[in-house]
Amino acid sequence: MSKPDQDTKAGARPSALLQNLAAIAVQASGAHKMYREARYSRSSGAASAGKRLTSWSCTCGWAGTAKELTVKAGGLGCPSCQAAEGLKSA
């Protein structure tokens, strides 16, 4: 008895399903890497990008530098109205 030729199967191209799965795996690994870095290692804020948040403004109309902000138990506060909710970095 003769065995079927295995050489013909070895030269065959991968199926479209396998090619699609490989493409999905490459994209998923990149997305997971970004998720993992964002969650566990690197911060993605302005300070980590080398920028300094020196200009701040409040809904009460106050605008000034970060040195002028007041530090409270609840976080940073506006030196004019003492509120922390309306602060925005500019």
C-alpha atoms as a PDB file:
ATOM      1  CA  MET A   1       0.000   0.000   0.000  1.00  0.00           C
ATOM      2  CA  SER A   2       1.184   3.478  -0.706  1.00  0.00           C
ATOM      3  CA  LYS A   3       0.844   6.395   1.654  1.00  0.00           C
ATOM      4  CA  PRO A   4      -0.757   9.646   0.473  1.00  0.00           C
ATOM      5  CA  ASP A   5       1.713  12.337  -0.446  1.00  0.00           C
ATOM      6  CA  GLN A   6       2.331  14.582   2.530  1.00  0.00           C
ATOM      7  CA  ASP A   7       4.439  16.930   0.411  1.00  0.00           C
ATOM      8  CA  THR A   8       1.344  18.330  -1.282  1.00  0.00           C
ATOM      9  CA  LYS A   9      -0.185  19.315   2.074  1.00  0.00           C
ATOM     10  CA  ALA A  10       3.034  20.843   3.410  1.00  0.00           C
ATOM     11  CA  GLY A  11       3.178  23.415   0.613  1.00  0.00           C
ATOM     12  CA  ALA A  12      -0.440  24.514   0.981  1.00  0.00           C
ATOM     13  CA  ARG A  13      -1.202  28.066   2.076  1.00  0.00           C
ATOM     14  CA  PRO A  14      -2.861  28.607   5.457  1.00  0.00           C
ATOM     15  CA  SER A  15      -6.600  28.935   5.288  1.00  0.00           C
ATOM     16  CA  ALA A  16      -8.323  32.290   5.384  1.00  0.00           C
ATOM     17  CA  LEU A  17      -9.627  31.459   8.853  1.00  0.00           C
ATOM     18  CA  LEU A  18      -6.117  30.973  10.203  1.00  0.00           C
ATOM     19  CA  GLN A  19      -4.927  34.183   8.560  1.00  0.00           C
ATOM     20  CA  ASN A  20      -7.835  36.110  10.121  1.00  0.00           C
ATOM     21  CA  LEU A  21      -7.141  34.604  13.536  1.00  0.00           C
ATOM     22  CA  ALA A  22      -3.471  35.549  13.280  1.00  0.00           C
ATOM     23  CA  ALA A  23      -4.395  39.137  12.370  1.00  0.00           C
ATOM     24  CA  ILE A  24      -6.813  39.356  15.301  1.00  0.00           C
ATOM     25  CA  ALA A  25      -4.178  37.981  17.672  1.00  0.00           C
ATOM     26  CA  VAL A  26      -1.663  40.623  16.594  1.00  0.00           C
ATOM     27  CA  GLN A  27      -4.171  43.433  17.123  1.00  0.00           C
ATOM     28  CA  ALA A  28      -5.340  42.025  20.439  1.00  0.00           C
ATOM     29  CA  SER A  29      -1.823  41.701  21.795  1.00  0.00           C
ATOM     30  CA  GLY A  30      -1.104  45.344  20.927  1.00  0.00           C
ATOM     31  CA  ALA A  31      -4.326  46.522  22.519  1.00  0.00           C
ATOM     32  CA  HIS A  32      -3.659  44.451  25.612  1.00  0.00           C
ATOM     33  CA  LYS A  33      -0.152  45.892  25.863  1.00  0.00           C
ATOM     34  CA  MET A  34      -1.560  49.429  25.775  1.00  0.00           C
ATOM     35  CA  TYR A  35      -4.137  48.495  28.423  1.00  0.00           C
ATOM     36  CA  ARG A  36      -1.505  46.888  30.641  1.00  0.00           C
ATOM     37  CA  GLU A  37       0.856  49.884  30.386  1.00  0.00           C
ATOM     38  CA  ALA A  38      -1.941  52.336  31.086  1.00  0.00           C
ATOM     39  CA  ARG A  39      -3.186  50.362  34.052  1.00  0.00           C
ATOM     40  CA  TYR A  40      -0.026  49.170  35.739  1.00  0.00           C
ATOM     41  CA  SER A  41       3.024  51.118  34.717  1.00  0.00           C
ATOM     42  CA  ARG A  42       2.824  54.425  32.972  1.00  0.00           C
ATOM     43  CA  SER A  43       0.586  57.326  33.674  1.00  0.00           C
ATOM     44  CA  SER A  44      -0.844  59.147  30.706  1.00  0.00           C
ATOM     45  CA  GLY A  45      -1.430  62.601  32.152  1.00  0.00           C
ATOM     46  CA  ALA A  46       0.077  65.886  31.122  1.00  0.00           C
ATOM     47  CA  ALA A  47       2.758  65.727  33.804  1.00  0.00           C
ATOM     48  CA  SER A  48       4.074  62.412  32.509  1.00  0.00           C
ATOM     49  CA  ALA A  49       4.287  63.881  29.007  1.00  0.00           C
ATOM     50  CA  GLY A  50       6.670  66.557  30.301  1.00  0.00           C
ATOM     51  CA  LYS A  51       4.086  69.326  30.388  1.00  0.00           C
ATOM     52  CA  ARG A  52       3.505  71.470  33.452  1.00  0.00           C
ATOM     53  CA  LEU A  53       0.045  72.506  34.443  1.00  0.00           C
ATOM     54  CA  THR A  54       0.808  76.015  35.614  1.00  0.00           C
ATOM     55  CA  SER A  55      -2.302  77.880  34.537  1.00  0.00           C
ATOM     56  CA  TRP A  56      -5.612  77.210  36.280  1.00  0.00           C
ATOM     57  CA  SER A  57      -9.055  78.790  36.152  1.00  0.00           C
ATOM     58  CA  CYS A  58     -12.245  78.548  38.181  1.00  0.00           C
ATOM     59  CA  THR A  59     -15.916  79.003  37.372  1.00  0.00           C
ATOM     60  CA  CYS A  60     -16.006  81.990  39.740  1.00  0.00           C
ATOM     61  CA  GLY A  61     -13.765  83.891  37.315  1.00  0.00           C
ATOM     62  CA  TRP A  62     -10.406  83.414  39.050  1.00  0.00           C
ATOM     63  CA  ALA A  63      -7.412  82.490  36.895  1.00  0.00           C
ATOM     64  CA  GLY A  64      -3.862  82.021  38.098  1.00  0.00           C
ATOM     65  CA  THR A  65      -0.896  79.745  38.575  1.00  0.00           C
ATOM     66  CA  ALA A  66      -0.708  76.407  40.344  1.00  0.00           C
ATOM     67  CA  LYS A  67       1.256  78.031  43.193  1.00  0.00           C
ATOM     68  CA  GLU A  68      -1.788  80.127  44.085  1.00  0.00           C
ATOM     69  CA  LEU A  69      -4.107  77.122  44.591  1.00  0.00           C
ATOM     70  CA  THR A  70      -4.990  76.217  48.146  1.00  0.00           C
ATOM     71  CA  VAL A  71      -4.548  72.672  49.426  1.00  0.00           C
ATOM     72  CA  LYS A  72      -7.471  71.296  51.407  1.00  0.00           C
ATOM     73  CA  ALA A  73      -8.490  67.897  52.745  1.00  0.00           C
ATOM     74  CA  GLY A  74     -10.685  67.380  49.663  1.00  0.00           C
ATOM     75  CA  GLY A  75      -7.947  68.344  47.194  1.00  0.00           C
ATOM     76  CA  LEU A  76      -6.987  71.602  45.518  1.00  0.00           C
ATOM     77  CA  GLY A  77      -9.172  74.647  45.997  1.00  0.00           C
ATOM     78  CA  CYS A  78      -9.684  78.022  44.385  1.00  0.00           C
ATOM     79  CA  PRO A  79      -8.011  80.803  46.395  1.00  0.00           C
ATOM     80  CA  SER A  80     -10.897  83.152  45.622  1.00  0.00           C
ATOM     81  CA  CYS A  81     -14.030  81.107  46.348  1.00  0.00           C
ATOM     82  CA  GLN A  82     -12.438  78.108  48.132  1.00  0.00           C
ATOM     83  CA  ALA A  83     -14.344  75.661  45.882  1.00  0.00           C
ATOM     84  CA  ALA A  84     -12.672  72.603  44.366  1.00  0.00           C
ATOM     85  CA  GLU A  85     -15.405  71.659  41.891  1.00  0.00           C
ATOM     86  CA  GLY A  86     -14.942  74.448  39.360  1.00  0.00           C
ATOM     87  CA  LEU A  87     -11.183  74.232  38.839  1.00  0.00           C
ATOM     88  CA  LYS A  88      -9.855  73.538  35.349  1.00  0.00           C
ATOM     89  CA  SER A  89      -6.310  73.392  34.069  1.00  0.00           C
ATOM     90  CA  ALA A  90      -5.641  75.595  31.091  1.00  0.00           C
END
